[in-house]
Protein backbone atom coordinates (compact mmCIF):
# COMPACT_ATOMS: atom_id res chain seq x y z
CA MET A 1 -9.25 68.67 -37.58
CA LYS A 2 -11.09 67.88 -40.81
CA LYS A 3 -8.19 65.71 -41.87
CA GLN A 4 -8.36 63.79 -38.57
CA ILE A 5 -12.11 63.27 -38.95
CA LEU A 6 -11.66 62.18 -42.52
CA SER A 7 -8.98 59.71 -41.46
CA VAL A 8 -11.19 58.20 -38.82
CA VAL A 9 -14.09 57.92 -41.30
CA MET A 10 -11.89 56.29 -43.91
CA ALA A 11 -10.42 53.88 -41.37
CA ALA A 12 -13.87 52.96 -40.20
CA ALA A 13 -15.03 52.44 -43.76
CA ALA A 14 -12.00 50.25 -44.48
CA ALA A 15 -12.58 48.27 -41.35
CA GLY A 16 -16.21 47.82 -42.28
CA THR A 17 -15.26 46.57 -45.72
CA LEU A 18 -12.72 44.18 -44.19
CA LEU A 19 -15.20 42.84 -41.70
CA ALA A 20 -17.78 42.44 -44.41
CA GLY A 21 -15.32 40.47 -46.51
CA CYS A 22 -14.39 38.20 -43.59
CA GLY A 23 -17.82 37.77 -42.16
CA ASN A 24 -18.36 34.12 -43.32
CA SER A 25 -14.92 32.94 -42.11
CA ALA A 26 -15.33 34.36 -38.68
CA GLY A 27 -18.75 32.81 -38.37
CA SER A 28 -17.39 29.45 -39.56
CA ALA A 29 -14.53 29.52 -37.02
CA ALA A 30 -16.91 30.34 -34.25
CA SER A 31 -19.24 27.59 -35.41
CA THR A 32 -16.33 25.08 -35.61
CA ALA A 33 -15.10 25.98 -32.14
CA ALA A 34 -18.59 25.58 -30.77
CA SER A 35 -18.93 22.26 -32.55
CA GLN A 36 -15.59 21.00 -31.21
CA ALA A 37 -16.51 22.03 -27.70
CA SER A 38 -19.80 20.24 -28.09
CA ASP A 39 -18.02 17.10 -29.40
CA THR A 40 -15.55 17.21 -26.53
CA GLN A 41 -18.36 17.54 -24.03
CA ALA A 42 -20.21 14.68 -25.74
CA SER A 43 -17.06 12.53 -25.77
CA THR A 44 -16.38 13.29 -22.12
CA ALA A 45 -19.99 12.54 -21.28
CA GLN A 46 -19.84 9.32 -23.29
CA THR A 47 -16.58 8.27 -21.56
CA ALA A 48 -18.10 9.03 -18.17
CA SER A 49 -21.23 7.16 -19.18
CA THR A 50 -19.17 4.17 -20.37
CA ALA A 51 -17.11 4.17 -17.18
CA GLU A 52 -20.28 4.40 -15.13
CA SER A 53 -21.86 1.59 -17.17
CA THR A 54 -18.73 -0.57 -16.78
CA SER A 55 -18.61 0.11 -13.06
CA ALA A 56 -22.29 -0.72 -12.74
CA SER A 57 -21.87 -4.00 -14.65
CA LEU A 58 -18.94 -4.98 -12.44
CA ASP A 59 -20.86 -4.03 -9.32
CA ALA A 60 -23.70 -6.27 -10.46
CA LEU A 61 -21.40 -9.30 -10.29
CA PRO A 62 -21.16 -11.47 -7.16
CA ALA A 63 -19.11 -9.88 -4.38
CA THR A 64 -16.76 -12.89 -4.38
CA GLN A 65 -16.33 -15.84 -6.70
CA MET A 66 -17.78 -18.03 -3.96
CA ASP A 67 -21.08 -16.16 -4.13
CA GLY A 68 -22.31 -17.05 -7.60
CA ILE A 69 -21.72 -17.16 -11.34
CA VAL A 70 -19.42 -14.56 -12.90
CA LYS A 71 -20.38 -13.74 -16.48
CA ALA A 72 -18.04 -11.44 -18.41
CA THR A 73 -19.17 -9.25 -21.32
CA PRO A 74 -17.20 -7.16 -23.87
CA GLU A 75 -18.72 -4.02 -22.31
CA MET A 76 -16.60 -4.63 -19.23
CA TYR A 77 -13.49 -3.85 -21.30
CA PRO A 78 -14.14 -0.41 -22.85
CA GLY A 79 -10.41 0.37 -22.87
CA VAL A 80 -9.47 -2.73 -24.86
CA ASP A 81 -9.48 -2.46 -28.66
CA MET A 82 -11.31 -5.53 -29.99
CA SER A 83 -11.86 -4.21 -33.52
CA ASP A 84 -9.46 -6.70 -35.10
CA PRO A 85 -9.43 -10.45 -34.40
CA TYR A 86 -6.54 -11.62 -32.25
CA THR A 87 -5.28 -15.10 -31.38
CA VAL A 88 -3.49 -15.41 -28.05
CA LYS A 89 -0.57 -17.85 -28.21
CA MET A 90 -0.50 -19.59 -24.82
CA TYR A 91 2.32 -21.88 -23.64
CA LEU A 92 1.81 -24.34 -20.79
CA ILE A 93 3.98 -27.01 -19.20
CA GLY A 94 2.89 -30.62 -18.83
CA ASP A 95 1.37 -33.23 -21.08
CA THR A 96 -1.56 -32.51 -23.40
CA PRO A 97 -4.91 -34.00 -22.27
CA ASN A 98 -6.50 -36.26 -24.87
CA ASP A 99 -9.54 -33.98 -25.18
CA TRP A 100 -7.66 -30.69 -25.19
CA ASP A 101 -8.55 -29.76 -28.79
CA GLU A 102 -12.23 -30.24 -28.01
CA VAL A 103 -12.01 -28.10 -24.88
CA GLN A 104 -10.04 -25.38 -26.66
CA THR A 105 -12.68 -25.26 -29.42
CA LYS A 106 -15.35 -24.56 -26.82
CA VAL A 107 -13.16 -21.86 -25.28
CA ASN A 108 -12.82 -20.17 -28.68
CA ASP A 109 -16.54 -20.43 -29.39
CA TYR A 110 -17.24 -18.63 -26.12
CA LEU A 111 -14.66 -15.93 -26.93
CA LYS A 112 -16.25 -14.92 -30.27
CA PRO A 113 -18.02 -11.84 -28.82
CA PHE A 114 -14.57 -10.67 -27.68
CA ASN A 115 -13.12 -11.19 -31.20
CA THR A 116 -10.42 -13.26 -29.52
CA SER A 117 -9.22 -16.86 -29.70
CA VAL A 118 -6.39 -18.96 -28.25
CA GLU A 119 -3.86 -21.44 -29.59
CA THR A 120 -2.05 -23.52 -26.99
CA THR A 121 1.34 -25.23 -26.99
CA PHE A 122 2.18 -27.74 -24.28
CA MET A 123 5.81 -28.21 -23.27
CA SER A 124 5.83 -31.76 -21.92
CA TRP A 125 7.21 -32.66 -18.51
CA SER A 126 10.18 -34.33 -20.18
CA ASP A 127 10.94 -31.31 -22.39
CA TYR A 128 9.93 -28.13 -20.57
CA SER A 129 13.20 -27.74 -18.65
CA THR A 130 15.04 -27.26 -21.94
CA MET A 131 12.24 -25.74 -24.03
CA TYR A 132 11.06 -23.06 -21.59
CA SER A 133 13.94 -20.60 -21.82
CA LEU A 134 14.53 -21.37 -25.49
CA THR A 135 10.89 -20.57 -26.24
CA LEU A 136 11.15 -17.15 -24.64
CA ALA A 137 14.60 -16.38 -26.02
CA GLY A 138 14.19 -17.83 -29.49
CA GLY A 139 11.66 -15.42 -30.89
CA ALA A 140 8.71 -17.83 -30.65
CA ASP A 141 5.27 -16.33 -31.13
CA VAL A 142 4.14 -16.44 -27.50
CA ASP A 143 1.80 -14.09 -25.62
CA LEU A 144 1.01 -15.88 -22.38
CA ILE A 145 3.03 -18.47 -20.46
CA PHE A 146 2.79 -20.46 -17.25
CA THR A 147 5.48 -19.62 -14.73
CA ALA A 148 6.30 -20.11 -11.05
CA PRO A 149 9.22 -19.71 -8.64
CA TRP A 150 9.97 -23.36 -9.48
CA CYS A 151 9.42 -22.73 -13.19
CA TYR A 152 11.92 -20.00 -14.10
CA MET A 153 9.87 -17.01 -12.93
CA TYR A 154 12.82 -15.23 -11.32
CA THR A 155 15.30 -16.21 -14.01
CA GLU A 156 13.11 -15.08 -16.88
CA SER A 157 12.01 -11.96 -15.05
CA ALA A 158 15.65 -10.96 -14.74
CA LYS A 159 16.03 -11.40 -18.49
CA GLY A 160 13.07 -9.11 -19.12
CA SER A 161 10.97 -11.93 -20.60
CA PHE A 162 7.74 -10.83 -18.92
CA TYR A 163 5.57 -7.79 -19.54
CA THR A 164 5.50 -5.46 -16.54
CA LEU A 165 2.02 -4.97 -15.11
CA ASP A 166 0.90 -1.93 -13.15
CA LYS A 167 -2.33 -0.82 -11.51
CA ASP A 168 -3.52 1.21 -14.51
CA PHE A 169 -2.85 -1.68 -16.91
CA ILE A 170 -4.70 -4.13 -14.64
CA HIS A 171 -7.58 -1.68 -14.16
CA THR A 172 -8.06 -1.25 -17.91
CA ASN A 173 -7.38 -4.75 -19.19
CA MET A 174 -8.14 -7.00 -16.22
CA PRO A 175 -11.08 -5.47 -14.34
CA LEU A 176 -12.30 -8.82 -13.00
CA THR A 177 -8.87 -9.65 -11.62
CA GLU A 178 -8.76 -6.19 -10.06
CA LYS A 179 -12.09 -6.96 -8.41
CA TYR A 180 -11.46 -10.51 -7.22
CA GLN A 181 -7.71 -11.06 -6.75
CA VAL A 182 -6.55 -11.39 -3.13
CA PRO A 183 -4.69 -8.08 -2.54
CA GLU A 184 -1.74 -9.53 -0.63
CA SER A 185 -1.03 -12.04 -3.40
CA TRP A 186 0.47 -9.32 -5.61
CA ASP A 187 3.42 -8.94 -3.25
CA GLU A 188 4.54 -12.47 -4.10
CA VAL A 189 4.93 -11.69 -7.82
CA THR A 190 6.47 -8.25 -7.39
CA ILE A 191 10.17 -8.29 -8.24
CA GLY A 192 12.22 -5.12 -8.02
CA GLY A 193 9.04 -3.14 -7.53
CA LYS A 194 7.46 -4.56 -10.72
CA ILE A 195 4.54 -6.98 -11.03
CA VAL A 196 5.76 -9.67 -13.45
CA ALA A 197 2.92 -12.21 -13.37
CA VAL A 198 -0.62 -12.88 -12.17
CA PRO A 199 -0.72 -15.38 -9.28
CA SER A 200 -3.24 -17.97 -8.26
CA ASN A 201 -6.11 -16.64 -6.20
CA VAL A 202 -5.99 -19.33 -3.53
CA SER A 203 -3.43 -20.58 -1.04
CA GLU A 204 -3.65 -24.24 -0.08
CA THR A 205 -1.73 -26.78 1.94
CA ASN A 206 1.18 -28.29 0.04
CA GLY A 207 2.48 -31.12 2.17
CA LYS A 208 4.50 -33.91 0.63
CA LEU A 209 3.61 -37.58 1.02
CA VAL A 210 4.26 -40.93 -0.60
CA ALA A 211 1.77 -43.27 -2.25
CA ILE A 212 2.58 -46.97 -2.50
CA ARG A 213 1.18 -50.19 -3.85
CA GLN A 214 -0.19 -51.44 -0.55
CA ASP A 215 -1.02 -54.82 -2.07
CA LEU A 216 2.70 -55.32 -2.72
CA ALA A 217 3.58 -54.09 0.76
CA ASP A 218 1.14 -56.62 2.21
CA LYS A 219 2.59 -59.32 -0.01
CA TYR A 220 5.95 -58.92 1.73
CA GLY A 221 4.62 -58.37 5.23
CA ILE A 222 5.10 -54.59 5.29
CA GLY A 223 2.36 -52.67 7.11
CA GLU A 224 1.88 -48.92 7.32
CA LEU A 225 4.73 -46.58 6.50
CA LYS A 226 5.33 -44.25 9.42
CA SER A 227 8.82 -42.92 8.80
CA TRP A 228 11.49 -42.34 6.18
CA ASP A 229 13.19 -45.56 7.29
CA ASP A 230 9.95 -47.42 6.62
CA TYR A 231 9.93 -46.08 3.07
CA MET A 232 13.57 -47.08 2.56
CA ASN A 233 12.70 -50.60 3.72
CA PHE A 234 9.69 -50.77 1.38
CA ALA A 235 11.71 -49.58 -1.65
CA GLN A 236 14.59 -51.96 -0.97
CA THR A 237 12.21 -54.87 -0.46
CA ILE A 238 10.42 -54.23 -3.74
CA ALA A 239 13.75 -53.91 -5.56
CA GLU A 240 15.01 -57.18 -4.10
CA LYS A 241 11.91 -59.36 -4.17
CA GLU A 242 9.44 -57.90 -6.68
CA THR A 243 11.35 -56.20 -9.47
CA PRO A 244 13.25 -59.29 -10.67
CA SER A 245 10.01 -61.24 -11.15
CA SER A 246 7.48 -58.61 -12.31
CA GLY A 247 9.66 -55.76 -13.57
CA ILE A 248 7.84 -53.31 -11.28
CA TYR A 249 10.30 -50.78 -9.91
CA ALA A 250 10.09 -49.54 -6.35
CA GLU A 251 9.80 -46.12 -7.99
CA ALA A 252 9.80 -45.67 -11.75
CA ALA A 253 11.88 -42.51 -11.42
CA SER A 254 12.07 -40.09 -14.33
CA SER A 255 14.80 -37.47 -14.91
CA ASP A 256 15.23 -36.61 -11.20
CA ASN A 257 13.87 -37.31 -7.74
CA ALA A 258 12.87 -33.80 -6.72
CA GLU A 259 9.57 -34.78 -5.08
CA LEU A 260 11.17 -37.53 -3.00
CA TRP A 261 13.72 -34.95 -1.85
CA ASN A 262 10.80 -32.72 -0.82
CA VAL A 263 9.39 -35.57 1.26
CA TYR A 264 12.77 -36.20 2.86
CA ARG A 265 13.49 -32.61 3.81
CA GLN A 266 10.02 -32.17 5.28
CA GLN A 267 11.10 -34.22 8.32
CA PHE A 268 13.65 -31.48 9.06
CA ASN A 269 11.14 -28.62 8.64
CA LEU A 270 13.10 -27.20 5.72
CA TYR A 271 11.38 -24.36 3.87
CA ASP A 272 12.75 -22.13 1.11
CA ALA A 273 13.74 -18.57 1.85
CA LEU A 274 14.78 -18.24 -1.78
CA SER A 275 14.05 -20.52 -4.72
CA ASN A 276 15.28 -19.06 -8.01
CA GLY A 277 15.83 -21.89 -10.45
CA ASN A 278 18.53 -24.02 -8.86
CA ILE A 279 19.55 -21.20 -6.54
CA VAL A 280 17.79 -22.48 -3.42
CA TYR A 281 18.40 -21.44 0.19
CA ASN A 282 16.67 -23.38 2.98
CA PHE A 283 15.96 -22.71 6.64
CA ASP A 284 14.35 -24.58 9.56
CA VAL A 285 10.86 -23.10 9.91
CA SER A 286 10.41 -24.64 13.37
CA LYS A 287 12.80 -21.98 14.67
CA GLY A 288 10.63 -19.15 13.37
CA LEU A 289 11.72 -16.28 11.15
CA PRO A 290 15.31 -17.09 10.18
CA GLN A 291 18.31 -14.83 10.56
CA PRO A 292 20.62 -14.32 7.57
CA ASP A 293 23.14 -16.90 8.79
CA ASP A 294 20.35 -19.49 9.08
CA LEU A 295 19.99 -19.61 5.29
CA THR A 296 21.76 -22.63 3.78
CA PHE A 297 22.53 -23.33 0.12
CA GLN A 298 20.48 -26.46 -0.47
CA TRP A 299 22.74 -28.52 -2.72
CA THR A 300 25.81 -28.49 -0.49
CA SER A 301 23.95 -28.83 2.83
CA ASP A 302 24.45 -31.78 5.17
CA THR A 303 20.76 -32.64 4.77
CA PHE A 304 20.97 -32.97 1.00
CA ARG A 305 24.20 -34.96 1.31
CA ALA A 306 22.46 -37.47 3.61
CA PHE A 307 19.52 -37.71 1.19
CA ALA A 308 21.82 -38.34 -1.78
CA LYS A 309 23.47 -41.19 0.11
CA ASP A 310 20.09 -42.82 0.72
CA MET A 311 19.30 -42.41 -2.96
CA LYS A 312 22.53 -44.19 -3.88
CA LYS A 313 21.52 -47.09 -1.62
CA LEU A 314 18.23 -47.37 -3.47
CA ALA A 315 19.80 -46.97 -6.90
CA ASP A 316 22.39 -49.63 -6.17
CA ALA A 317 19.59 -51.91 -4.97
CA GLY A 318 17.75 -51.45 -8.27
CA ALA A 319 14.85 -49.36 -6.97
CA TRP A 320 14.67 -47.62 -10.38
CA SER A 321 16.18 -47.93 -13.81
CA ARG A 322 19.84 -47.08 -14.34
CA SER A 323 18.65 -45.00 -17.29
CA ALA A 324 16.17 -43.01 -15.18
CA LEU A 325 17.90 -39.75 -16.09
CA ASN A 326 16.65 -40.12 -19.65
CA GLU A 327 13.23 -41.60 -18.86
CA THR A 328 10.41 -39.64 -20.52
CA VAL A 329 7.43 -41.35 -18.81
CA THR A 330 6.78 -39.57 -15.52
CA ASP A 331 6.93 -41.55 -12.29
CA ASP A 332 3.28 -40.59 -11.67
CA ASP A 333 2.07 -42.03 -14.97
CA ALA A 334 4.22 -45.10 -14.43
CA PHE A 335 2.63 -45.63 -11.01
CA GLY A 336 -0.87 -45.29 -12.49
CA ASN A 337 0.10 -47.79 -15.18
CA LEU A 338 1.45 -50.28 -12.59
CA GLN A 339 5.07 -49.88 -13.65
CA GLY A 340 6.13 -48.35 -10.34
CA ALA A 341 5.31 -49.24 -6.75
CA SER A 342 5.54 -45.74 -5.25
CA ILE A 343 5.46 -42.03 -6.02
CA ALA A 344 6.08 -38.89 -4.01
CA TRP A 345 4.07 -35.66 -4.40
CA ASN A 346 1.25 -33.76 -2.74
CA THR A 347 -2.38 -34.93 -2.54
CA SER A 348 -2.32 -35.20 -6.34
CA VAL A 349 -1.07 -38.76 -5.72
CA PHE A 350 -4.69 -39.80 -5.16
CA THR A 351 -5.41 -39.26 -8.86
CA TYR A 352 -2.78 -41.85 -9.77
CA MET A 353 -3.81 -44.15 -6.95
CA LYS A 354 -7.32 -44.17 -8.40
CA GLN A 355 -5.92 -44.96 -11.82
CA ALA A 356 -3.84 -47.86 -10.52
CA GLU A 357 -6.75 -49.27 -8.52
CA GLN A 358 -8.82 -49.70 -11.65
CA THR A 359 -6.93 -52.96 -12.06
CA GLU A 360 -8.48 -55.74 -10.01
CA GLY A 361 -6.45 -56.71 -6.96
CA VAL A 362 -4.44 -53.49 -6.83
CA LYS A 363 -4.66 -51.58 -3.56
CA CYS A 364 -2.90 -48.30 -2.88
CA ALA A 365 -2.26 -46.21 0.20
CA ALA A 366 -0.80 -42.76 0.87
CA TYR A 367 1.30 -41.92 3.91
CA TYR A 368 2.78 -38.95 5.66
CA ILE A 369 6.15 -40.39 6.62
CA THR A 370 7.20 -37.22 8.41
CA PRO A 371 4.44 -37.13 11.08
CA GLY A 372 4.28 -34.26 13.53
CA GLU A 373 6.42 -31.92 11.44
CA ALA A 374 5.36 -28.66 9.79
CA VAL A 375 3.22 -28.89 6.67
CA PRO A 376 4.00 -26.13 4.17
CA GLY A 377 1.27 -23.93 2.79
CA GLU A 378 1.28 -23.25 -0.92
CA ALA A 379 2.02 -19.63 -1.74
CA TYR A 380 -0.26 -17.72 -4.10
CA SER A 381 2.77 -17.35 -6.36
CA ASN A 382 3.46 -21.07 -6.53
CA ASN A 383 1.55 -21.07 -9.85
CA ASP A 384 1.29 -18.02 -12.10
CA MET A 385 0.55 -16.82 -15.62
CA ALA A 386 2.72 -14.15 -17.24
CA VAL A 387 2.13 -11.94 -20.26
CA THR A 388 5.34 -12.01 -22.28
CA ALA A 389 7.36 -8.92 -23.08
CA SER A 390 7.35 -10.01 -26.71
CA SER A 391 3.55 -10.24 -26.96
CA ALA A 392 2.21 -8.50 -30.05
CA ASN A 393 -0.85 -7.43 -28.07
CA PRO A 394 -0.36 -7.48 -24.29
CA GLN A 395 -3.71 -5.76 -23.74
CA ARG A 396 -5.75 -8.45 -25.48
CA THR A 397 -3.59 -11.14 -23.86
CA ALA A 398 -4.30 -9.67 -20.43
CA MET A 399 -8.01 -9.52 -21.22
CA PHE A 400 -7.93 -13.20 -22.23
CA LEU A 401 -6.19 -14.08 -18.95
CA ASP A 402 -8.76 -12.02 -17.06
CA LEU A 403 -11.54 -14.01 -18.72
CA ILE A 404 -10.17 -17.52 -18.15
CA LYS A 405 -9.30 -16.60 -14.60
CA ASN A 406 -12.64 -15.11 -13.61
CA ASP A 407 -15.48 -15.91 -16.01
CA THR A 408 -17.12 -18.97 -14.45
CA TYR A 409 -17.78 -20.83 -17.70
CA LEU A 410 -14.28 -20.37 -19.09
CA ASN A 411 -12.64 -21.02 -15.76
CA ARG A 412 -14.46 -24.33 -15.30
CA LEU A 413 -13.68 -25.36 -18.89
CA LEU A 414 -9.97 -25.11 -18.24
CA LEU A 415 -10.08 -26.51 -14.71
CA LEU A 416 -12.52 -29.37 -15.21
CA GLY A 417 -13.20 -29.83 -18.94
CA GLU A 418 -16.68 -30.08 -20.45
CA GLU A 419 -19.65 -30.23 -18.11
CA GLY A 420 -21.67 -33.36 -18.72
CA LYS A 421 -18.75 -35.16 -20.29
CA HIS A 422 -15.76 -34.80 -18.02
CA TYR A 423 -17.57 -33.65 -14.89
CA SER A 424 -20.91 -32.80 -13.33
CA ILE A 425 -21.49 -30.09 -10.74
CA ASP A 426 -24.15 -29.23 -8.19
CA ASP A 427 -25.49 -25.86 -7.05
CA GLN A 428 -22.91 -25.65 -4.27
CA GLY A 429 -19.98 -25.94 -6.65
CA ASN A 430 -19.23 -29.55 -5.78
CA TYR A 431 -17.99 -31.35 -8.88
CA THR A 432 -17.84 -35.04 -9.70
CA GLU A 433 -15.52 -36.45 -12.35
CA LEU A 434 -17.30 -38.61 -14.94
CA ASP A 435 -16.02 -41.58 -16.93
CA ASP A 436 -14.48 -39.39 -19.62
CA ALA A 437 -12.38 -37.56 -17.03
CA SER A 438 -9.55 -39.89 -17.99
CA ASN A 439 -9.30 -37.79 -21.16
CA TYR A 440 -9.39 -34.49 -19.25
CA ALA A 441 -8.79 -34.88 -15.55
CA ALA A 442 -9.67 -32.08 -13.13
CA PHE A 443 -6.84 -29.58 -12.63
CA SER A 444 -4.65 -31.55 -15.03
CA ILE A 445 -3.19 -28.60 -16.96
CA SER A 446 -0.76 -26.08 -15.51
CA ALA A 447 -3.00 -23.12 -16.37
CA ALA A 448 -5.61 -24.60 -14.04
CA TRP A 449 -3.24 -24.30 -11.09
CA ALA A 450 -2.61 -20.65 -11.89
CA ILE A 451 -6.23 -19.59 -12.44
CA LYS A 452 -7.89 -21.54 -9.65
CA ASN A 453 -10.09 -19.51 -7.30
CA GLY A 454 -10.88 -21.94 -4.50
CA ASN A 455 -14.58 -22.07 -5.35
CA LEU A 456 -14.66 -25.71 -6.46
CA THR A 457 -14.77 -28.81 -4.28
CA GLU A 458 -14.76 -32.41 -5.39
CA ALA A 459 -17.98 -34.15 -4.40
CA GLY A 460 -17.62 -37.66 -3.09
CA ALA A 461 -13.86 -37.23 -2.96
CA ASP A 462 -11.74 -40.17 -1.95
CA PRO A 463 -12.16 -40.22 1.86
CA ARG A 464 -8.46 -41.00 2.14
CA LYS A 465 -7.67 -37.74 0.35
CA THR A 466 -10.12 -35.77 2.48
CA ALA A 467 -8.58 -37.19 5.64
CA MET A 468 -5.09 -36.30 4.41
CA ILE A 469 -6.09 -32.73 3.61
CA ASP A 470 -7.71 -32.38 7.05
CA TYR A 471 -4.50 -33.70 8.60
CA GLU A 472 -2.47 -31.11 6.71
CA LYS A 473 -4.76 -28.21 7.61
CA GLU A 474 -4.21 -28.90 11.29
CA ARG A 475 -0.44 -28.74 10.89
CA VAL A 476 0.11 -26.15 8.19
CA VAL A 477 2.77 -23.55 8.92
CA ALA A 478 3.01 -20.61 6.56
CA ASN A 479 6.40 -19.67 5.15
CA PRO A 480 7.42 -16.48 7.01
CA CYS A 481 9.75 -15.58 4.13
CA VAL A 482 7.14 -15.76 1.38
CA ALA A 483 7.22 -11.99 0.84
CA PHE A 484 11.02 -11.87 0.52
CA VAL A 485 11.78 -11.34 -3.16
CA PHE A 486 15.42 -11.35 -4.21
CA ASP A 487 16.65 -8.80 -6.75
CA ASP A 488 19.27 -10.76 -8.68
CA SER A 489 20.26 -8.01 -11.11
CA THR A 490 23.73 -7.50 -9.59
CA VAL A 491 24.60 -11.21 -9.46
CA ARG A 492 22.69 -12.59 -12.44
CA SER A 493 25.76 -13.80 -14.32
CA TYR A 494 27.01 -15.67 -11.25
CA MET A 495 23.58 -17.21 -10.72
CA ASP A 496 23.36 -18.40 -14.30
CA ALA A 497 26.74 -20.09 -13.96
CA VAL A 498 25.89 -21.75 -10.63
CA ASP A 499 22.44 -22.75 -11.86
CA SER A 500 24.02 -24.53 -14.84
CA ILE A 501 26.51 -26.38 -12.62
CA VAL A 502 23.80 -27.54 -10.22
CA ASN A 503 21.70 -28.66 -13.16
CA ASP A 504 24.58 -30.88 -14.28
CA TYR A 505 24.92 -32.55 -10.87
CA SER A 506 21.62 -32.52 -8.96
CA PRO A 507 19.56 -34.99 -11.05
CA SER A 508 22.27 -37.66 -10.81
CA LEU A 509 22.67 -37.05 -7.07
CA GLU A 510 18.90 -37.20 -6.51
CA LEU A 511 18.82 -40.52 -8.34
CA GLY A 512 21.92 -41.91 -6.66
CA LEU A 513 23.53 -42.46 -10.05
CA VAL A 514 27.03 -41.41 -8.99
CA ASP A 515 30.04 -43.44 -7.93
CA ASP A 516 30.77 -41.47 -4.77
CA VAL A 517 28.25 -39.07 -3.22
CA ASP A 518 30.72 -37.15 -1.07
CA ALA A 519 33.15 -36.71 -3.93
CA SER A 520 30.38 -35.55 -6.28
CA ILE A 521 28.97 -32.99 -3.82
CA ASP A 522 32.46 -31.74 -2.94
CA GLU A 523 33.14 -31.30 -6.65
CA LEU A 524 29.79 -29.55 -7.08
CA GLN A 525 30.57 -27.19 -4.21
CA LYS A 526 34.05 -26.36 -5.54
CA LYS A 527 32.72 -25.59 -9.01
CA CYS A 528 29.89 -23.47 -7.59
CA GLU A 529 32.29 -21.49 -5.42
CA ASP A 530 34.60 -20.93 -8.36
CA ALA A 531 31.59 -19.68 -10.34
CA GLY A 532 30.64 -17.12 -7.68
CA LEU A 533 28.46 -18.93 -5.13
CA ASN A 534 29.95 -16.98 -2.21
CA THR A 535 29.21 -13.69 -3.97
CA ILE A 536 25.61 -14.81 -4.46
CA THR A 537 25.30 -15.87 -0.82
CA ASP A 538 26.67 -12.54 0.40
CA GLU A 539 24.14 -10.66 -1.73
CA VAL A 540 21.27 -12.91 -0.59
CA LYS A 541 22.14 -12.29 3.05
CA LYS A 542 22.58 -8.56 2.46
CA GLN A 543 19.14 -8.20 0.86
CA TYR A 544 17.54 -10.55 3.34
CA SER A 545 18.95 -8.47 6.23
CA ALA A 546 17.47 -5.34 4.69
CA TRP A 547 14.13 -7.12 4.29
CA LEU A 548 14.23 -8.24 7.92
CA GLU A 549 14.53 -4.62 8.99
CA THR A 550 11.23 -3.88 7.28
CA ARG A 551 9.59 -6.60 9.38
CA LYS A 552 10.41 -4.91 12.67
C-alpha cells in the first residue's frame, strides 16, 4: 500500500514539475488561439461590414439608368485587387475618330482612383475581317474585344477565345452590370450553357433603308423611291447619265454589298434563325415561328440568287467601280464625301446625309423601299463586349467594362465624346452634337453600340430620322428565334470549311462581279456540300427541333 501511495505521490510530483516547465508554452498557445479567433471574427466582421457598405452604396444609386447619374467608386469593387496598376488592352472594329486620343486621355484620368487605364486598338472596317481572328489567335496582348453574332462571336466562342463569365464572377467584378443589365439579355450571349460576352442593354428597331442624293434624282426626273424596282431604276440612271460626267457612282460600294442585300431581303420578311459567321439560315417571319424545314441556307437560296442577278445588272451598268472588292473607303464615307449617290443601312444613314448636305445644293432623302413588311428589332446581343480568354487580368478587365458600361461620365465619354466640345446635354438626357462632333460623332465607335443603355436621346434630331424611327416602331416584329443558340462543337470543322468557301464567293456575288451568277452559285453550292454543308444543316435542324420542344 505504501508503495502505491509513494508511486502516486511521485507521479503527481513529476506531473507538477512537467506542468511547471511547460506553463509558458501552454499559456502562449492558448493566447495565440484566442488571438486567431479574435482575428477571424474581426475579419469576418470586416468582410460583412464591407459587403454591407458595398450593398448600401449600390442601393444608393438610381434604380435604373434612366433615373439619374450613376457614379462608380472603388469601394463598390471590394473583391477586385487594385493594388497594382493595370492597363486594359481593348480592341474595337471601325475607323478611329480624329479626337480618340483626347477622349481616351480623359477616360484614363477618370480611372486613376481605380489604378486602371486603357489602351485601344481599332481594326478598321477594311481590315477587321482579316485581323479579328488573327488578333485573337496570334498571341496579341488583348483583354477586351468587341464582338457580335455578325462579328465572329460564335466562331471565336467555339475556339475558346472568350473568357467564360458566371454569376459569381459578374457579382464580384461587375456589380453595376449585375444591377442594371436587362435579365433576359443574358440568354442571347449564352452558348453551350456559358456566358461568353456582355450584351448591349437596349433593344432597338433595326430596319434597313436606302439614302440617296435626292438632288440627283430630281435632276433626272426621279421622284420618291417606293420599291426595290425604283431603286434599281435610280442606280441605273445615275450610272448611265451621271457617272460618266461627274464620276459619282450610283453606290460607291466597298468590299461587299451586305447592307444592300439586307434591304433586298427585307421585302421577303427574311430573318435569321442562325447567323454564325457566313453560316446563315433564314426564314420568313411573316409565317410565325418557323419549323425546322423552313430554315434555308442563305447563300444558295432562290432569294439570294435573284438578288445577285440584280447586282450583276448594276455592276454591268457601272453602278460602282469594277475594283470595289478592294476598295478601302466605305460606301458610307464615300456618300458623305459626295463620291456616291446612295447607301444602304439603318437610320445611321442620316449621319452621312447630314455630312453630304453640308455642301450647298446637295439634298438627300432616305426611303423604306420595302413598305408594309416586317421591320426587325435589334437583339441585345447584336453588339457585345467580350473579355478574352488570354487576358492577363480578367477581373480588372471586367471591372473596366463595368465602369464604361454603367458609370454615367465614362459611358457618355465613349458614346458622345467630350461634353462642351463634341456635344451638349440637358437635364433630361437629350444631347445635341456640336461643331466638333465631326471629330467624334455620337455612337461612332463599336464599343458605344455595345455599352449603350437607352438613356440618351438626340435633341433636335433630324425630323426625317425621327419620322423614320416612328415608322419602324409601328411595324417592328421581334425575331422569335433570338433565343436559339446553336452549339457548333460537333460540326465546327465543317463550318470553318463552308465559311471559308462562302467568303471566297459572296462578296463577288453581292457586287455582281461574276461572269455568270447561276454558274457561280451552283459552284458555291457544290463546294459547300462537298465540305459538309448537309451535315451542318442536319445538325442545325436537329438542335432547332430540340429547342422548339422547349417552347411548347
